[in-house]
Amino acid sequence: MTEHVLKTWPEHYAAIERGAKTCELRLNDRPYQVGDVLLLREFEPLNASYTGQQLRVRVTHILNGGAWLAPSYIAMSIRLEQL
């Protein structure tokens, strides 16, 4: 299991926090695997700064490639965990 620290914009962060967003689309630029933890740090792009808020989610499934995704992107199913 690996922990990946990632920036997350406020609208996506809020949706994950309330349980409405359970999938994360990302460039496949890391060795993501099922079971990994994503430490999502809320990032405000207008100020180019972190808000100090963060969430931990666990990767439960990975969709890689196929006709549904642009090349080099993956869709990860995620489950919110307690910090």
C-alpha atoms as a PDB file:
ATOM      1  CA  MET A   1       0.000   0.000   0.000  1.00  0.00           C
ATOM      2  CA  THR A   2       1.225   3.460  -0.932  1.00  0.00           C
ATOM      3  CA  GLU A   3      -0.054   6.864   0.187  1.00  0.00           C
ATOM      4  CA  HIS A   4      -0.269   9.477  -2.567  1.00  0.00           C
ATOM      5  CA  VAL A   5      -0.589  13.158  -1.588  1.00  0.00           C
ATOM      6  CA  LEU A   6      -2.728  15.028  -4.136  1.00  0.00           C
ATOM      7  CA  LYS A   7      -4.124  18.523  -4.652  1.00  0.00           C
ATOM      8  CA  THR A   8      -7.922  18.664  -4.840  1.00  0.00           C
ATOM      9  CA  TRP A   9      -9.930  21.715  -5.850  1.00  0.00           C
ATOM     10  CA  PRO A  10     -12.651  22.878  -3.415  1.00  0.00           C
ATOM     11  CA  GLU A  11     -15.697  21.780  -5.434  1.00  0.00           C
ATOM     12  CA  HIS A  12     -14.329  18.244  -5.800  1.00  0.00           C
ATOM     13  CA  TYR A  13     -13.132  18.147  -2.186  1.00  0.00           C
ATOM     14  CA  ALA A  14     -16.603  19.109  -0.907  1.00  0.00           C
ATOM     15  CA  ALA A  15     -18.313  16.464  -3.053  1.00  0.00           C
ATOM     16  CA  ILE A  16     -15.967  13.744  -1.733  1.00  0.00           C
ATOM     17  CA  GLU A  17     -16.406  14.945   1.850  1.00  0.00           C
ATOM     18  CA  ARG A  18     -20.208  14.679   1.672  1.00  0.00           C
ATOM     19  CA  GLY A  19     -20.038  11.277  -0.063  1.00  0.00           C
ATOM     20  CA  ALA A  20     -21.448  12.408  -3.413  1.00  0.00           C
ATOM     21  CA  LYS A  21     -18.209  11.860  -5.375  1.00  0.00           C
ATOM     22  CA  THR A  22     -16.835   8.314  -5.234  1.00  0.00           C
ATOM     23  CA  CYS A  23     -14.588   8.331  -8.289  1.00  0.00           C
ATOM     24  CA  GLU A  24     -11.328  10.167  -8.921  1.00  0.00           C
ATOM     25  CA  LEU A  25     -10.063  10.802 -12.468  1.00  0.00           C
ATOM     26  CA  ARG A  26      -6.328  11.355 -12.652  1.00  0.00           C
ATOM     27  CA  LEU A  27      -3.410  11.332 -15.020  1.00  0.00           C
ATOM     28  CA  ASN A  28      -1.799   7.924 -14.587  1.00  0.00           C
ATOM     29  CA  ASP A  29       1.575   9.404 -13.627  1.00  0.00           C
ATOM     30  CA  ARG A  30       2.098   7.340 -10.475  1.00  0.00           C
ATOM     31  CA  PRO A  31       1.994   3.633  -9.677  1.00  0.00           C
ATOM     32  CA  TYR A  32      -1.606   3.733  -8.369  1.00  0.00           C
ATOM     33  CA  GLN A  33      -2.938   0.387  -7.133  1.00  0.00           C
ATOM     34  CA  VAL A  34      -6.082  -0.934  -5.485  1.00  0.00           C
ATOM     35  CA  GLY A  35      -5.619  -0.574  -1.722  1.00  0.00           C
ATOM     36  CA  ASP A  36      -3.572   2.625  -1.962  1.00  0.00           C
ATOM     37  CA  VAL A  37      -4.542   5.671   0.086  1.00  0.00           C
ATOM     38  CA  LEU A  38      -5.011   9.097  -1.483  1.00  0.00           C
ATOM     39  CA  LEU A  39      -4.405  11.984   0.898  1.00  0.00           C
ATOM     40  CA  LEU A  40      -6.478  14.698  -0.741  1.00  0.00           C
ATOM     41  CA  ARG A  41      -5.390  18.189   0.291  1.00  0.00           C
ATOM     42  CA  GLU A  42      -7.872  20.940  -0.541  1.00  0.00           C
ATOM     43  CA  PHE A  43      -6.180  23.461  -2.837  1.00  0.00           C
ATOM     44  CA  GLU A  44      -7.596  26.871  -3.765  1.00  0.00           C
ATOM     45  CA  PRO A  45      -6.457  27.534  -7.358  1.00  0.00           C
ATOM     46  CA  LEU A  46      -7.346  31.257  -7.302  1.00  0.00           C
ATOM     47  CA  ASN A  47      -4.947  31.855  -4.395  1.00  0.00           C
ATOM     48  CA  ALA A  48      -2.585  29.028  -5.366  1.00  0.00           C
ATOM     49  CA  SER A  49      -2.615  27.848  -1.755  1.00  0.00           C
ATOM     50  CA  TYR A  50      -3.734  24.949   0.408  1.00  0.00           C
ATOM     51  CA  THR A  51      -6.708  25.538   2.742  1.00  0.00           C
ATOM     52  CA  GLY A  52      -5.414  23.201   5.455  1.00  0.00           C
ATOM     53  CA  GLN A  53      -8.272  20.726   4.950  1.00  0.00           C
ATOM     54  CA  GLN A  54      -7.509  17.141   3.958  1.00  0.00           C
ATOM     55  CA  LEU A  55      -9.263  13.819   3.458  1.00  0.00           C
ATOM     56  CA  ARG A  56      -8.044  10.239   3.232  1.00  0.00           C
ATOM     57  CA  VAL A  57      -9.659   7.925   0.711  1.00  0.00           C
ATOM     58  CA  ARG A  58      -8.849   4.332  -0.196  1.00  0.00           C
ATOM     59  CA  VAL A  59      -8.691   3.163  -3.822  1.00  0.00           C
ATOM     60  CA  THR A  60     -11.140   0.264  -4.244  1.00  0.00           C
ATOM     61  CA  HIS A  61     -11.066  -0.163  -8.050  1.00  0.00           C
ATOM     62  CA  ILE A  62      -9.087   1.181 -11.008  1.00  0.00           C
ATOM     63  CA  LEU A  63     -10.322   1.539 -14.587  1.00  0.00           C
ATOM     64  CA  ASN A  64      -7.346   1.942 -16.878  1.00  0.00           C
ATOM     65  CA  GLY A  65      -7.714   2.795 -20.561  1.00  0.00           C
ATOM     66  CA  GLY A  66     -10.321   1.359 -22.867  1.00  0.00           C
ATOM     67  CA  ALA A  67     -12.760   3.315 -24.966  1.00  0.00           C
ATOM     68  CA  TRP A  68     -13.982   5.296 -21.923  1.00  0.00           C
ATOM     69  CA  LEU A  69     -10.863   7.226 -20.984  1.00  0.00           C
ATOM     70  CA  ALA A  70      -8.360   9.426 -22.752  1.00  0.00           C
ATOM     71  CA  PRO A  71      -4.925   7.820 -23.072  1.00  0.00           C
ATOM     72  CA  SER A  72      -2.801   8.084 -19.912  1.00  0.00           C
ATOM     73  CA  TYR A  73      -5.810   8.632 -17.601  1.00  0.00           C
ATOM     74  CA  ILE A  74      -7.371   6.343 -15.003  1.00  0.00           C
ATOM     75  CA  ALA A  75     -10.603   6.344 -13.034  1.00  0.00           C
ATOM     76  CA  MET A  76     -10.257   5.252  -9.422  1.00  0.00           C
ATOM     77  CA  SER A  77     -13.224   4.245  -7.285  1.00  0.00           C
ATOM     78  CA  ILE A  78     -12.626   5.627  -3.810  1.00  0.00           C
ATOM     79  CA  ARG A  79     -13.967   5.124  -0.277  1.00  0.00           C
ATOM     80  CA  LEU A  80     -13.708   7.872   2.322  1.00  0.00           C
ATOM     81  CA  GLU A  81     -11.709   6.932   5.445  1.00  0.00           C
ATOM     82  CA  GLN A  82     -11.264   8.585   8.817  1.00  0.00           C
ATOM     83  CA  LEU A  83      -8.135  10.697   9.362  1.00  0.00           C
END
